[in-house]
């Protein structure tokens, strides 16, 4: 069963470009993982949020790609560069 994720990130305006680059880097790692069907970086229409979307062929593929992301050392930490907590919505295909 396909699974996915939509994550809204809220960087400080002074960190927006850096944050977009970070999300694009994460998406690239996900796209290279077996079972990842798509990974993209979006901006909300108001420019307030950086939105990441990912789709996997299964829960096992999701878990494996998250593990591979940790192994790459890509910066995914929540810190003072973000003005509010991330909103992450897991998805399951129907």
N, C-alpha and C. Protein backbone atom coordinates (compact mmCIF):
# COMPACT_ATOMS: atom_id res chain seq x y z
N UNK A 1 0.83 -1.17 0.00
CA UNK A 1 0.00 0.00 0.00
C UNK A 1 0.88 1.25 0.00
N UNK A 2 0.58 2.20 -0.88
CA UNK A 2 1.36 3.43 -0.93
C UNK A 2 1.13 4.26 0.33
N UNK A 3 2.21 4.92 0.75
CA UNK A 3 2.15 5.84 1.88
C UNK A 3 2.83 7.13 1.46
N UNK A 4 2.55 8.19 2.19
CA UNK A 4 3.15 9.47 1.86
C UNK A 4 3.27 10.35 3.09
N UNK A 5 3.74 11.56 2.83
CA UNK A 5 3.93 12.53 3.90
C UNK A 5 3.88 13.92 3.28
N UNK A 6 3.23 14.82 3.98
CA UNK A 6 3.27 16.24 3.65
C UNK A 6 3.77 16.95 4.89
N UNK A 7 4.83 17.72 4.75
CA UNK A 7 5.41 18.42 5.89
C UNK A 7 5.49 19.92 5.59
N UNK A 8 4.94 20.71 6.51
CA UNK A 8 5.02 22.16 6.40
C UNK A 8 6.09 22.64 7.37
N UNK A 9 7.05 23.39 6.84
CA UNK A 9 8.15 23.94 7.62
C UNK A 9 8.02 25.46 7.58
N UNK A 10 8.33 26.11 8.69
CA UNK A 10 8.15 27.56 8.78
C UNK A 10 9.46 28.24 9.16
N UNK A 11 10.36 28.42 8.19
CA UNK A 11 11.63 29.07 8.49
C UNK A 11 11.49 30.57 8.70
N UNK A 12 12.40 31.15 9.48
CA UNK A 12 12.49 32.61 9.57
C UNK A 12 12.76 33.12 8.15
N UNK A 13 12.22 34.27 7.80
CA UNK A 13 12.46 34.81 6.45
C UNK A 13 13.95 34.88 6.10
N UNK A 14 14.79 35.18 7.07
CA UNK A 14 16.23 35.28 6.79
C UNK A 14 16.87 33.92 6.51
N UNK A 15 16.16 32.84 6.79
CA UNK A 15 16.68 31.48 6.55
C UNK A 15 15.91 30.75 5.46
N UNK A 16 14.97 31.42 4.80
CA UNK A 16 14.10 30.73 3.83
C UNK A 16 14.91 30.08 2.70
N UNK A 17 15.81 30.82 2.06
CA UNK A 17 16.58 30.24 0.95
C UNK A 17 17.41 29.04 1.41
N UNK A 18 18.04 29.18 2.55
CA UNK A 18 18.83 28.07 3.11
C UNK A 18 17.92 26.87 3.38
N UNK A 19 16.73 27.14 3.90
CA UNK A 19 15.81 26.06 4.23
C UNK A 19 15.30 25.36 2.98
N UNK A 20 15.00 26.12 1.94
CA UNK A 20 14.59 25.50 0.67
C UNK A 20 15.70 24.59 0.17
N UNK A 21 16.94 25.03 0.26
CA UNK A 21 18.07 24.20 -0.18
C UNK A 21 18.15 22.91 0.65
N UNK A 22 17.90 23.01 1.96
CA UNK A 22 17.91 21.83 2.82
C UNK A 22 16.81 20.85 2.43
N UNK A 23 15.61 21.37 2.19
CA UNK A 23 14.49 20.49 1.83
C UNK A 23 14.75 19.85 0.46
N UNK A 24 15.31 20.59 -0.47
CA UNK A 24 15.65 20.00 -1.78
C UNK A 24 16.68 18.89 -1.63
N UNK A 25 17.64 19.09 -0.74
CA UNK A 25 18.66 18.07 -0.51
C UNK A 25 18.04 16.81 0.08
N UNK A 26 17.13 16.97 1.03
CA UNK A 26 16.43 15.82 1.61
C UNK A 26 15.61 15.11 0.53
N UNK A 27 14.91 15.87 -0.31
CA UNK A 27 14.11 15.27 -1.38
C UNK A 27 15.00 14.45 -2.32
N UNK A 28 16.18 14.96 -2.62
CA UNK A 28 17.10 14.23 -3.51
C UNK A 28 17.52 12.90 -2.88
N UNK A 29 17.80 12.90 -1.59
CA UNK A 29 18.15 11.65 -0.90
C UNK A 29 16.98 10.68 -0.97
N UNK A 30 15.78 11.17 -0.69
CA UNK A 30 14.60 10.29 -0.75
C UNK A 30 14.41 9.72 -2.15
N UNK A 31 14.54 10.55 -3.18
CA UNK A 31 14.32 10.09 -4.55
C UNK A 31 15.27 8.97 -4.95
N UNK A 32 16.44 8.92 -4.35
CA UNK A 32 17.42 7.89 -4.66
C UNK A 32 17.16 6.59 -3.90
N UNK A 33 16.29 6.63 -2.91
CA UNK A 33 16.02 5.45 -2.08
C UNK A 33 15.08 4.50 -2.81
N UNK A 34 15.35 3.21 -2.74
CA UNK A 34 14.43 2.23 -3.34
C UNK A 34 13.03 2.38 -2.76
N UNK A 35 12.03 2.36 -3.62
CA UNK A 35 10.65 2.44 -3.16
C UNK A 35 10.09 3.83 -3.03
N UNK A 36 10.92 4.85 -3.21
CA UNK A 36 10.42 6.22 -3.18
C UNK A 36 9.86 6.53 -4.57
N UNK A 37 8.62 6.93 -4.62
CA UNK A 37 7.96 7.22 -5.90
C UNK A 37 8.09 8.68 -6.30
N UNK A 38 8.16 9.59 -5.32
CA UNK A 38 8.28 11.02 -5.62
C UNK A 38 8.66 11.75 -4.35
N UNK A 39 9.42 12.82 -4.50
CA UNK A 39 9.77 13.71 -3.39
C UNK A 39 9.98 15.10 -3.98
N UNK A 40 9.28 16.08 -3.42
CA UNK A 40 9.33 17.43 -3.98
C UNK A 40 9.35 18.48 -2.88
N UNK A 41 9.78 19.67 -3.27
CA UNK A 41 9.81 20.83 -2.40
C UNK A 41 8.90 21.89 -3.01
N UNK A 42 8.05 22.48 -2.18
CA UNK A 42 7.09 23.49 -2.62
C UNK A 42 7.17 24.69 -1.68
N UNK A 43 6.67 25.82 -2.15
CA UNK A 43 6.45 26.98 -1.29
C UNK A 43 4.95 27.22 -1.22
N UNK A 44 4.46 27.57 -0.04
CA UNK A 44 3.05 27.93 0.06
C UNK A 44 2.83 29.21 -0.74
N UNK A 45 1.62 29.43 -1.20
CA UNK A 45 1.32 30.60 -2.03
C UNK A 45 1.65 31.91 -1.32
N UNK A 46 1.53 31.93 0.01
CA UNK A 46 1.85 33.15 0.76
C UNK A 46 3.34 33.26 1.09
N UNK A 47 4.12 32.24 0.73
CA UNK A 47 5.56 32.25 0.96
C UNK A 47 5.97 31.97 2.39
N UNK A 48 5.00 31.72 3.27
CA UNK A 48 5.30 31.51 4.68
C UNK A 48 5.89 30.13 4.96
N UNK A 49 5.45 29.13 4.22
CA UNK A 49 5.86 27.75 4.51
C UNK A 49 6.65 27.14 3.35
N UNK A 50 7.61 26.33 3.71
CA UNK A 50 8.29 25.45 2.77
C UNK A 50 7.63 24.10 2.99
N UNK A 51 7.09 23.51 1.92
CA UNK A 51 6.31 22.28 2.04
C UNK A 51 7.04 21.16 1.32
N UNK A 52 7.22 20.05 2.01
CA UNK A 52 7.82 18.89 1.37
C UNK A 52 6.76 17.80 1.24
N UNK A 53 6.79 17.12 0.11
CA UNK A 53 5.89 16.01 -0.13
C UNK A 53 6.72 14.81 -0.56
N UNK A 54 6.35 13.65 -0.03
CA UNK A 54 7.06 12.42 -0.38
C UNK A 54 6.02 11.31 -0.52
N UNK A 55 6.25 10.43 -1.48
CA UNK A 55 5.37 9.28 -1.68
C UNK A 55 6.24 8.03 -1.86
N UNK A 56 5.86 6.98 -1.13
CA UNK A 56 6.58 5.71 -1.19
C UNK A 56 5.65 4.59 -1.60
N UNK A 57 6.21 3.51 -2.09
CA UNK A 57 5.39 2.37 -2.52
C UNK A 57 4.88 1.56 -1.34
N UNK A 58 5.49 1.71 -0.15
CA UNK A 58 5.07 0.93 1.02
C UNK A 58 5.61 1.57 2.29
N UNK A 59 5.07 1.11 3.41
CA UNK A 59 5.57 1.56 4.71
C UNK A 59 7.02 1.12 4.91
N UNK A 60 7.35 -0.06 4.42
CA UNK A 60 8.74 -0.55 4.53
C UNK A 60 9.70 0.36 3.76
N UNK A 61 9.29 0.81 2.56
CA UNK A 61 10.13 1.72 1.77
C UNK A 61 10.29 3.05 2.49
N UNK A 62 9.22 3.53 3.13
CA UNK A 62 9.30 4.79 3.89
C UNK A 62 10.31 4.65 5.02
N UNK A 63 10.19 3.59 5.79
CA UNK A 63 11.09 3.37 6.91
C UNK A 63 12.55 3.26 6.44
N UNK A 64 12.77 2.55 5.36
CA UNK A 64 14.13 2.38 4.83
C UNK A 64 14.70 3.71 4.34
N UNK A 65 13.89 4.53 3.69
CA UNK A 65 14.42 5.80 3.19
C UNK A 65 14.69 6.77 4.33
N UNK A 66 13.89 6.73 5.40
CA UNK A 66 14.17 7.57 6.56
C UNK A 66 15.48 7.14 7.22
N UNK A 67 15.72 5.84 7.27
CA UNK A 67 16.98 5.34 7.83
C UNK A 67 18.16 5.77 6.96
N UNK A 68 17.99 5.71 5.63
CA UNK A 68 19.08 6.12 4.75
C UNK A 68 19.34 7.62 4.85
N UNK A 69 18.30 8.40 5.10
CA UNK A 69 18.47 9.84 5.28
C UNK A 69 19.34 10.13 6.49
N UNK A 70 19.10 9.44 7.59
CA UNK A 70 19.90 9.63 8.79
C UNK A 70 21.37 9.30 8.53
N UNK A 71 21.61 8.29 7.71
CA UNK A 71 22.98 7.86 7.42
C UNK A 71 23.74 8.87 6.57
N UNK A 72 23.04 9.74 5.83
CA UNK A 72 23.72 10.70 4.96
C UNK A 72 24.27 11.90 5.71
N UNK A 73 23.74 12.16 6.90
CA UNK A 73 24.18 13.33 7.64
C UNK A 73 23.55 14.63 7.17
N UNK A 74 22.52 14.55 6.33
CA UNK A 74 21.83 15.74 5.87
C UNK A 74 21.16 16.41 7.07
N UNK A 75 21.23 17.74 7.12
CA UNK A 75 20.67 18.51 8.23
C UNK A 75 19.14 18.52 8.18
N UNK A 76 18.52 17.84 9.13
CA UNK A 76 17.07 17.82 9.23
C UNK A 76 16.59 18.24 10.61
N UNK A 77 17.49 18.80 11.41
CA UNK A 77 17.16 19.16 12.78
C UNK A 77 16.25 20.39 12.83
N UNK A 78 15.29 20.35 13.74
CA UNK A 78 14.46 21.51 14.05
C UNK A 78 15.26 22.38 15.01
N UNK A 79 15.37 23.67 14.71
CA UNK A 79 16.11 24.56 15.59
C UNK A 79 15.60 25.98 15.44
N UNK A 80 16.38 26.93 15.94
CA UNK A 80 15.95 28.34 15.96
C UNK A 80 15.79 28.96 14.58
N UNK A 81 16.18 28.27 13.52
CA UNK A 81 15.97 28.79 12.16
C UNK A 81 14.50 28.72 11.76
N UNK A 82 13.70 27.99 12.53
CA UNK A 82 12.27 27.86 12.23
C UNK A 82 11.47 28.63 13.28
N UNK A 83 10.43 29.34 12.81
CA UNK A 83 9.65 30.19 13.71
C UNK A 83 8.56 29.44 14.47
N UNK A 84 8.19 28.27 13.99
CA UNK A 84 7.20 27.46 14.70
C UNK A 84 7.41 25.99 14.34
N UNK A 85 6.83 25.09 15.13
CA UNK A 85 7.04 23.67 14.86
C UNK A 85 6.54 23.23 13.49
N UNK A 86 7.19 22.23 12.97
CA UNK A 86 6.78 21.64 11.69
C UNK A 86 5.44 20.94 11.86
N UNK A 87 4.70 20.92 10.79
CA UNK A 87 3.43 20.18 10.76
C UNK A 87 3.60 19.05 9.76
N UNK A 88 3.66 17.82 10.26
CA UNK A 88 3.90 16.66 9.42
C UNK A 88 2.65 15.78 9.42
N UNK A 89 2.14 15.54 8.22
CA UNK A 89 0.92 14.74 8.06
C UNK A 89 1.28 13.46 7.31
N UNK A 90 1.22 12.30 7.99
CA UNK A 90 1.43 11.03 7.28
C UNK A 90 0.18 10.69 6.48
N UNK A 91 0.38 10.05 5.33
CA UNK A 91 -0.72 9.71 4.44
C UNK A 91 -0.70 8.22 4.10
N UNK A 92 -1.88 7.66 3.86
CA UNK A 92 -2.03 6.28 3.41
C UNK A 92 -2.98 6.31 2.22
N UNK A 93 -2.60 5.63 1.13
CA UNK A 93 -3.44 5.62 -0.07
C UNK A 93 -4.75 4.90 0.22
N UNK A 94 -5.80 5.37 -0.43
CA UNK A 94 -7.10 4.71 -0.27
C UNK A 94 -7.58 4.17 -1.61
